Amino acid sequence: MLPTPKRFFVTAGSASGKNHLNAFDNALLKARIGNLNLMRVSSILPPGVEYCPQLEIPPGSLVPTAYGYIISDVPGEMIAAAVGVGFSKDTFGVIMEFSGKCGKEQAEKAIKSMLEEAFETRGMELAGTKIASTEIMVESIGCALAAVPLWY
């Protein structure tokens, strides 16, 4: 059984590359998570976790991470990614991810709406949020990525 994470941060990065995988890898590096082994998780923030924006995770670590990304090879296309964490006052939180063919303002608006709906559906009060977003105008191949890494 895996332990429950105790800390997290929100991050986003966008980058170009010579191919799709390198664009993705370069976006991970811009987001400060390129040297980690990400284990994709769904959208629940454990109760009592601490927000640590400068959290340093050892390279090669297996890291539970909620993330969204988009890769495009259409020159002139704007792409964006965003993540948001919604906090409750006394229990767990919710993480939402978004990526699309839009700018970061539209991505952030989508995240806010998604968090509001997630809390409303659960009958919980949304007590606060943390959001990270990024955008890139594609020149040849580009990637926009946003993530919430969880750590112990």
C-alpha atoms as a PDB file:
ATOM      1  CA  MET A   1       0.000   0.000   0.000  1.00  0.00           C
ATOM      2  CA  LEU A   2       1.249   3.479  -0.837  1.00  0.00           C
ATOM      3  CA  PRO A   3       1.391   6.158   1.864  1.00  0.00           C
ATOM      4  CA  THR A   4      -0.904   9.176   1.626  1.00  0.00           C
ATOM      5  CA  PRO A   5       0.888  12.264   0.299  1.00  0.00           C
ATOM      6  CA  LYS A   6       1.432  15.139   2.750  1.00  0.00           C
ATOM      7  CA  ARG A   7       2.579  17.976   0.452  1.00  0.00           C
ATOM      8  CA  PHE A   8       1.851  19.315  -3.028  1.00  0.00           C
ATOM      9  CA  PHE A   9       2.392  22.183  -5.435  1.00  0.00           C
ATOM     10  CA  VAL A  10       0.768  23.418  -8.641  1.00  0.00           C
ATOM     11  CA  THR A  11       2.846  23.990 -11.727  1.00  0.00           C
ATOM     12  CA  ALA A  12       2.637  24.574 -15.461  1.00  0.00           C
ATOM     13  CA  GLY A  13       5.055  24.736 -18.360  1.00  0.00           C
ATOM     14  CA  SER A  14       4.977  24.982 -22.123  1.00  0.00           C
ATOM     15  CA  ALA A  15       7.694  24.299 -24.652  1.00  0.00           C
ATOM     16  CA  SER A  16       8.531  23.327 -28.196  1.00  0.00           C
ATOM     17  CA  GLY A  17      10.384  20.256 -29.382  1.00  0.00           C
ATOM     18  CA  LYS A  18      11.592  18.520 -32.533  1.00  0.00           C
ATOM     19  CA  ASN A  19       8.932  15.827 -32.018  1.00  0.00           C
ATOM     20  CA  HIS A  20       5.869  15.270 -29.822  1.00  0.00           C
ATOM     21  CA  LEU A  21       7.703  13.404 -27.051  1.00  0.00           C
ATOM     22  CA  ASN A  22      10.467  15.988 -26.777  1.00  0.00           C
ATOM     23  CA  ALA A  23       7.921  18.820 -26.693  1.00  0.00           C
ATOM     24  CA  PHE A  24       6.186  17.002 -23.800  1.00  0.00           C
ATOM     25  CA  ASP A  25       9.510  16.365 -22.027  1.00  0.00           C
ATOM     26  CA  ASN A  26      10.561  20.006 -22.461  1.00  0.00           C
ATOM     27  CA  ALA A  27       7.232  21.189 -21.008  1.00  0.00           C
ATOM     28  CA  LEU A  28       7.772  18.860 -18.027  1.00  0.00           C
ATOM     29  CA  LEU A  29      11.214  20.404 -17.516  1.00  0.00           C
ATOM     30  CA  LYS A  30       9.760  23.947 -17.650  1.00  0.00           C
ATOM     31  CA  ALA A  31       7.231  22.868 -15.005  1.00  0.00           C
ATOM     32  CA  ARG A  32      10.061  21.567 -12.724  1.00  0.00           C
ATOM     33  CA  ILE A  33       8.884  17.946 -12.958  1.00  0.00           C
ATOM     34  CA  GLY A  34      10.880  16.662 -15.930  1.00  0.00           C
ATOM     35  CA  ASN A  35      13.258  14.513 -13.897  1.00  0.00           C
ATOM     36  CA  LEU A  36      10.519  12.652 -12.019  1.00  0.00           C
ATOM     37  CA  ASN A  37       8.588   9.477 -12.800  1.00  0.00           C
ATOM     38  CA  LEU A  38       4.977  10.624 -12.814  1.00  0.00           C
ATOM     39  CA  MET A  39       2.213   8.247 -11.760  1.00  0.00           C
ATOM     40  CA  ARG A  40      -0.993   9.740 -13.118  1.00  0.00           C
ATOM     41  CA  VAL A  41      -3.729   9.972 -10.501  1.00  0.00           C
ATOM     42  CA  SER A  42      -7.274  11.250 -10.543  1.00  0.00           C
ATOM     43  CA  SER A  43      -8.625  14.256  -8.800  1.00  0.00           C
ATOM     44  CA  ILE A  44      -8.718  14.075  -5.007  1.00  0.00           C
ATOM     45  CA  LEU A  45      -6.384  16.048  -2.752  1.00  0.00           C
ATOM     46  CA  PRO A  46      -5.903  14.181   0.545  1.00  0.00           C
ATOM     47  CA  PRO A  47      -7.117  15.854   3.758  1.00  0.00           C
ATOM     48  CA  GLY A  48      -4.508  17.924   5.581  1.00  0.00           C
ATOM     49  CA  VAL A  49      -1.946  18.184   2.786  1.00  0.00           C
ATOM     50  CA  GLU A  50       0.345  21.202   2.870  1.00  0.00           C
ATOM     51  CA  TYR A  51       0.844  23.558  -0.088  1.00  0.00           C
ATOM     52  CA  CYS A  52       4.620  23.843  -0.677  1.00  0.00           C
ATOM     53  CA  PRO A  53       5.290  25.955  -3.797  1.00  0.00           C
ATOM     54  CA  GLN A  54       9.078  25.456  -3.630  1.00  0.00           C
ATOM     55  CA  LEU A  55       8.926  21.722  -2.903  1.00  0.00           C
ATOM     56  CA  GLU A  56      11.991  19.857  -4.173  1.00  0.00           C
ATOM     57  CA  ILE A  57      11.432  16.192  -5.067  1.00  0.00           C
ATOM     58  CA  PRO A  58      14.460  13.918  -5.590  1.00  0.00           C
ATOM     59  CA  PRO A  59      15.136  13.038  -9.263  1.00  0.00           C
ATOM     60  CA  GLY A  60      13.801   9.644 -10.319  1.00  0.00           C
ATOM     61  CA  SER A  61      11.125   9.551  -7.614  1.00  0.00           C
ATOM     62  CA  LEU A  62       7.760   7.919  -8.320  1.00  0.00           C
ATOM     63  CA  VAL A  63       5.382  10.853  -7.894  1.00  0.00           C
ATOM     64  CA  PRO A  64       1.567  10.703  -7.822  1.00  0.00           C
ATOM     65  CA  THR A  65       0.556  13.552 -10.141  1.00  0.00           C
ATOM     66  CA  ALA A  66      -2.698  14.876 -11.559  1.00  0.00           C
ATOM     67  CA  TYR A  67      -1.952  16.526 -14.890  1.00  0.00           C
ATOM     68  CA  GLY A  68      -3.366  17.663 -18.169  1.00  0.00           C
ATOM     69  CA  TYR A  69      -1.535  18.427 -21.378  1.00  0.00           C
ATOM     70  CA  ILE A  70      -1.995  19.099 -25.064  1.00  0.00           C
ATOM     71  CA  ILE A  71       0.447  18.718 -27.938  1.00  0.00           C
ATOM     72  CA  SER A  72      -0.016  20.385 -31.310  1.00  0.00           C
ATOM     73  CA  ASP A  73       1.896  20.403 -34.582  1.00  0.00           C
ATOM     74  CA  VAL A  74      -0.308  23.048 -36.212  1.00  0.00           C
ATOM     75  CA  PRO A  75       1.761  26.228 -36.717  1.00  0.00           C
ATOM     76  CA  GLY A  76      -0.022  29.330 -35.413  1.00  0.00           C
ATOM     77  CA  GLU A  77      -2.342  27.383 -33.094  1.00  0.00           C
ATOM     78  CA  MET A  78      -2.649  28.596 -29.488  1.00  0.00           C
ATOM     79  CA  ILE A  79      -2.798  25.796 -26.922  1.00  0.00           C
ATOM     80  CA  ALA A  80      -3.122  25.975 -23.155  1.00  0.00           C
ATOM     81  CA  ALA A  81      -3.232  23.812 -20.053  1.00  0.00           C
ATOM     82  CA  ALA A  82      -4.343  24.553 -16.502  1.00  0.00           C
ATOM     83  CA  VAL A  83      -4.794  22.777 -13.191  1.00  0.00           C
ATOM     84  CA  GLY A  84      -6.704  23.885 -10.160  1.00  0.00           C
ATOM     85  CA  VAL A  85      -6.951  22.689  -6.598  1.00  0.00           C
ATOM     86  CA  GLY A  86     -10.095  23.416  -4.631  1.00  0.00           C
ATOM     87  CA  PHE A  87      -9.907  23.366  -0.842  1.00  0.00           C
ATOM     88  CA  SER A  88     -12.596  22.574   1.684  1.00  0.00           C
ATOM     89  CA  LYS A  89     -12.466  23.847   5.265  1.00  0.00           C
ATOM     90  CA  ASP A  90     -12.425  20.473   6.968  1.00  0.00           C
ATOM     91  CA  THR A  91     -11.935  17.568   4.588  1.00  0.00           C
ATOM     92  CA  PHE A  92     -10.331  16.553   1.300  1.00  0.00           C
ATOM     93  CA  GLY A  93      -9.886  18.793  -1.729  1.00  0.00           C
ATOM     94  CA  VAL A  94     -10.493  18.347  -5.441  1.00  0.00           C
ATOM     95  CA  ILE A  95      -8.052  18.685  -8.345  1.00  0.00           C
ATOM     96  CA  MET A  96      -9.195  19.532 -11.873  1.00  0.00           C
ATOM     97  CA  GLU A  97      -7.145  19.504 -15.089  1.00  0.00           C
ATOM     98  CA  PHE A  98      -7.845  21.185 -18.426  1.00  0.00           C
ATOM     99  CA  SER A  99      -6.106  21.404 -21.796  1.00  0.00           C
ATOM    100  CA  GLY A 100      -7.343  22.787 -25.078  1.00  0.00           C
ATOM    101  CA  LYS A 101      -6.950  24.919 -28.170  1.00  0.00           C
ATOM    102  CA  CYS A 102      -7.306  28.268 -26.415  1.00  0.00           C
ATOM    103  CA  GLY A 103      -5.381  30.785 -24.318  1.00  0.00           C
ATOM    104  CA  LYS A 104      -4.530  30.519 -20.635  1.00  0.00           C
ATOM    105  CA  GLU A 105      -7.340  32.881 -19.573  1.00  0.00           C
ATOM    106  CA  GLN A 106      -9.946  30.552 -21.088  1.00  0.00           C
ATOM    107  CA  ALA A 107      -8.194  27.542 -19.512  1.00  0.00           C
ATOM    108  CA  GLU A 108      -8.270  29.198 -16.071  1.00  0.00           C
ATOM    109  CA  LYS A 109     -11.940  30.084 -16.500  1.00  0.00           C
ATOM    110  CA  ALA A 110     -12.700  26.445 -17.330  1.00  0.00           C
ATOM    111  CA  ILE A 111     -10.810  25.251 -14.240  1.00  0.00           C
ATOM    112  CA  LYS A 112     -12.689  27.632 -11.944  1.00  0.00           C
ATOM    113  CA  SER A 113     -16.012  26.419 -13.352  1.00  0.00           C
ATOM    114  CA  MET A 114     -14.972  22.769 -13.017  1.00  0.00           C
ATOM    115  CA  LEU A 115     -13.942  23.248  -9.375  1.00  0.00           C
ATOM    116  CA  GLU A 116     -17.197  25.013  -8.550  1.00  0.00           C
ATOM    117  CA  GLU A 117     -19.212  22.181 -10.089  1.00  0.00           C
ATOM    118  CA  ALA A 118     -17.133  19.482  -8.373  1.00  0.00           C
ATOM    119  CA  PHE A 119     -17.738  21.042  -4.957  1.00  0.00           C
ATOM    120  CA  GLU A 120     -21.409  21.693  -5.644  1.00  0.00           C
ATOM    121  CA  THR A 121     -21.902  18.079  -6.758  1.00  0.00           C
ATOM    122  CA  ARG A 122     -20.271  16.837  -3.550  1.00  0.00           C
ATOM    123  CA  GLY A 123     -22.317  19.215  -1.382  1.00  0.00           C
ATOM    124  CA  MET A 124     -19.111  20.839  -0.115  1.00  0.00           C
ATOM    125  CA  GLU A 125     -18.167  24.483   0.347  1.00  0.00           C
ATOM    126  CA  LEU A 126     -15.275  25.708  -1.824  1.00  0.00           C
ATOM    127  CA  ALA A 127     -13.035  27.526   0.657  1.00  0.00           C
ATOM    128  CA  GLY A 128     -10.164  28.477  -1.680  1.00  0.00           C
ATOM    129  CA  THR A 129      -8.232  27.594  -4.805  1.00  0.00           C
ATOM    130  CA  LYS A 130      -4.736  27.402  -6.269  1.00  0.00           C
ATOM    131  CA  ILE A 131      -4.426  27.510 -10.063  1.00  0.00           C
ATOM    132  CA  ALA A 132      -1.491  27.174 -12.472  1.00  0.00           C
ATOM    133  CA  SER A 133      -1.739  27.653 -16.229  1.00  0.00           C
ATOM    134  CA  THR A 134       0.322  28.112 -19.343  1.00  0.00           C
ATOM    135  CA  GLU A 135      -0.101  28.743 -23.063  1.00  0.00           C
ATOM    136  CA  ILE A 136       2.042  28.522 -26.153  1.00  0.00           C
ATOM    137  CA  MET A 137       1.676  29.657 -29.736  1.00  0.00           C
ATOM    138  CA  VAL A 138       2.812  26.647 -31.764  1.00  0.00           C
ATOM    139  CA  GLU A 139       5.647  27.248 -34.207  1.00  0.00           C
ATOM    140  CA  SER A 140       6.296  23.649 -35.267  1.00  0.00           C
ATOM    141  CA  ILE A 141       5.493  21.278 -32.362  1.00  0.00           C
ATOM    142  CA  GLY A 142       4.422  22.591 -28.966  1.00  0.00           C
ATOM    143  CA  CYS A 143       3.153  21.260 -25.668  1.00  0.00           C
ATOM    144  CA  ALA A 144       1.284  22.945 -22.821  1.00  0.00           C
ATOM    145  CA  LEU A 145       1.165  21.038 -19.528  1.00  0.00           C
ATOM    146  CA  ALA A 146      -0.160  21.755 -16.039  1.00  0.00           C
ATOM    147  CA  ALA A 147       0.220  19.482 -13.029  1.00  0.00           C
ATOM    148  CA  VAL A 148      -0.297  18.923  -9.321  1.00  0.00           C
ATOM    149  CA  PRO A 149       2.521  16.718  -7.982  1.00  0.00           C
ATOM    150  CA  LEU A 150       1.797  15.126  -4.593  1.00  0.00           C
ATOM    151  CA  TRP A 151       4.649  14.211  -2.245  1.00  0.00           C
ATOM    152  CA  TYR A 152       5.282  12.542   1.133  1.00  0.00           C
END
